[in-house]
Protein backbone atom coordinates (compact mmCIF):
# COMPACT_ATOMS: atom_id res chain seq x y z
CA MET A 1 12.73 -4.00 -33.51
CA THR A 2 12.78 -6.96 -35.70
CA ARG A 3 9.15 -8.67 -38.00
CA PRO A 4 8.97 -11.80 -38.46
CA LEU A 5 9.46 -13.56 -41.52
CA SER A 6 6.69 -14.91 -42.77
CA ARG A 7 6.57 -18.12 -45.19
CA GLY A 8 6.05 -17.77 -48.74
CA GLN A 9 7.02 -15.53 -51.47
CA GLY A 10 10.14 -13.86 -50.94
CA LEU A 11 11.93 -16.51 -48.58
CA SER A 12 13.85 -18.20 -51.47
CA PRO A 13 15.44 -14.31 -52.82
CA LEU A 14 16.15 -13.90 -48.99
CA LEU A 15 18.14 -16.88 -48.64
CA ALA A 16 19.73 -16.19 -51.53
CA LEU A 17 20.76 -12.48 -50.13
CA LEU A 18 22.33 -14.19 -46.67
CA LEU A 19 23.97 -16.99 -48.50
CA SER A 20 25.97 -14.12 -51.19
CA GLY A 21 25.96 -11.67 -47.79
CA ALA A 22 28.24 -14.86 -46.03
CA ALA A 23 29.92 -14.88 -48.91
CA LEU A 24 31.39 -11.83 -49.20
CA ALA A 25 31.88 -11.46 -45.29
CA GLN A 26 34.71 -14.52 -46.77
CA SER A 27 35.89 -12.75 -49.30
CA PRO A 28 38.89 -10.03 -49.19
CA ALA A 29 38.01 -5.82 -49.19
CA THR A 30 37.91 -4.38 -51.35
CA SER A 31 39.78 -1.29 -52.14
CA PRO A 32 37.77 1.97 -50.40
CA ALA A 33 38.64 4.23 -53.97
CA ALA A 34 36.86 1.38 -55.99
CA SER A 35 33.50 1.44 -52.76
CA SER A 36 33.47 5.23 -52.01
CA ALA A 37 31.58 7.49 -53.46
CA SER A 38 31.62 10.91 -54.36
CA PRO A 39 30.22 13.30 -51.65
CA GLU A 40 27.44 14.21 -54.65
CA VAL A 41 26.22 10.56 -54.41
CA GLN A 42 26.65 9.74 -50.89
CA GLN A 43 23.98 12.96 -50.74
CA ARG A 44 22.08 11.75 -52.59
CA ALA A 45 21.38 8.32 -50.65
CA GLN A 46 21.62 10.03 -47.50
CA ARG A 47 18.41 11.94 -49.05
CA PHE A 48 16.90 8.81 -50.86
CA TYR A 49 16.59 7.23 -47.06
CA ALA A 50 15.10 10.19 -45.31
CA GLN A 51 12.50 10.63 -48.20
CA VAL A 52 11.49 7.20 -48.68
CA CYS A 53 13.52 5.02 -46.52
CA ALA A 54 12.67 6.59 -43.55
CA ARG A 55 9.39 6.09 -44.30
CA CYS A 56 8.69 3.18 -43.24
CA HIS A 57 12.07 2.08 -41.65
CA GLU A 58 12.03 4.91 -39.10
CA THR A 59 8.00 4.68 -37.98
CA GLY A 60 7.30 0.99 -37.44
CA ILE A 61 5.41 0.59 -40.80
CA GLY A 62 8.42 -1.96 -42.31
CA PRO A 63 11.71 -3.21 -39.25
CA VAL A 64 14.45 -0.74 -38.68
CA ILE A 65 17.60 -1.17 -41.13
CA THR A 66 20.20 0.56 -39.29
CA GLY A 67 22.54 -0.42 -36.54
CA ARG A 68 22.72 -4.36 -38.06
CA ASN A 69 25.83 -4.72 -38.96
CA LEU A 70 25.09 -5.94 -42.38
CA PRO A 71 27.01 -6.01 -45.93
CA ALA A 72 25.67 -2.62 -48.17
CA ALA A 73 25.79 -5.63 -50.42
CA PHE A 74 22.77 -6.85 -48.69
CA TYR A 75 21.16 -3.09 -48.51
CA VAL A 76 21.78 -3.01 -52.25
CA THR A 77 19.51 -6.94 -52.81
CA MET A 78 16.97 -5.79 -51.44
CA ALA A 79 16.07 -2.83 -52.92
CA ARG A 80 16.91 -4.44 -56.18
CA SER A 81 14.20 -7.36 -55.30
CA GLY A 82 11.76 -5.86 -52.35
CA LEU A 83 10.48 -8.23 -49.72
CA ASN A 84 7.08 -8.83 -48.54
CA ALA A 85 5.59 -5.59 -48.53
CA MET A 86 9.03 -3.68 -49.69
CA PRO A 87 8.77 -2.66 -52.88
CA ALA A 88 12.19 -3.39 -55.37
CA PHE A 89 13.21 -0.11 -56.26
CA ARG A 90 14.14 0.07 -60.12
CA LEU A 91 16.94 1.58 -62.23
CA SER A 92 14.23 4.79 -62.66
CA ASP A 93 13.89 5.20 -58.97
CA ILE A 94 17.56 4.87 -58.04
CA ASP A 95 20.43 4.60 -60.40
CA ASP A 96 22.93 1.96 -58.94
CA PRO A 97 25.80 3.75 -57.56
CA THR A 98 23.24 5.61 -55.86
CA LEU A 99 22.03 2.74 -54.56
CA GLN A 100 25.77 1.19 -53.50
CA ALA A 101 26.23 4.76 -51.91
CA LEU A 102 23.02 3.81 -49.70
CA GLY A 103 23.47 0.03 -49.10
CA GLU A 104 27.34 1.87 -47.33
CA TYR A 105 25.43 3.80 -45.70
CA LEU A 106 22.98 1.84 -44.21
CA SER A 107 25.98 -0.52 -43.47
CA LYS A 108 27.65 1.95 -41.25
CA THR A 109 24.70 4.19 -39.43
CA PRO A 110 23.99 3.38 -35.80
CA ALA A 111 19.80 2.15 -35.06
CA PRO A 112 18.30 5.49 -34.06
CA ALA A 113 17.32 6.21 -30.35
CA GLN A 114 14.64 3.33 -28.90
CA GLY A 115 13.38 6.86 -28.15
CA ALA A 116 13.58 8.69 -31.28
CA GLN A 117 11.60 5.49 -32.98
CA ARG A 118 7.36 6.06 -33.24
């Protein structure tokens, strides 16, 4: 279930993010080596999702963020910028390589089954 966006604070960053996502969709793909993380970084990213993101995004507090076919850059920008009730995550919270791997993980992960969400 998606949540509607409210007017006010946060819509300008969202618009910029959507425009950058459209530009990314039209740009040529980067090489797999440039976008693939080491297994250790991938594990850190998945652990961060399970320990931090899933608390809101799999319990009905925040919108479901998997299964939306969004580019990894969307998730990276949202995590660094924050939006509405979602806080911005600093480098001290999650480093850039782990955040990039998290974005890639989320862009490829299907949405949870309907009954799985609480």
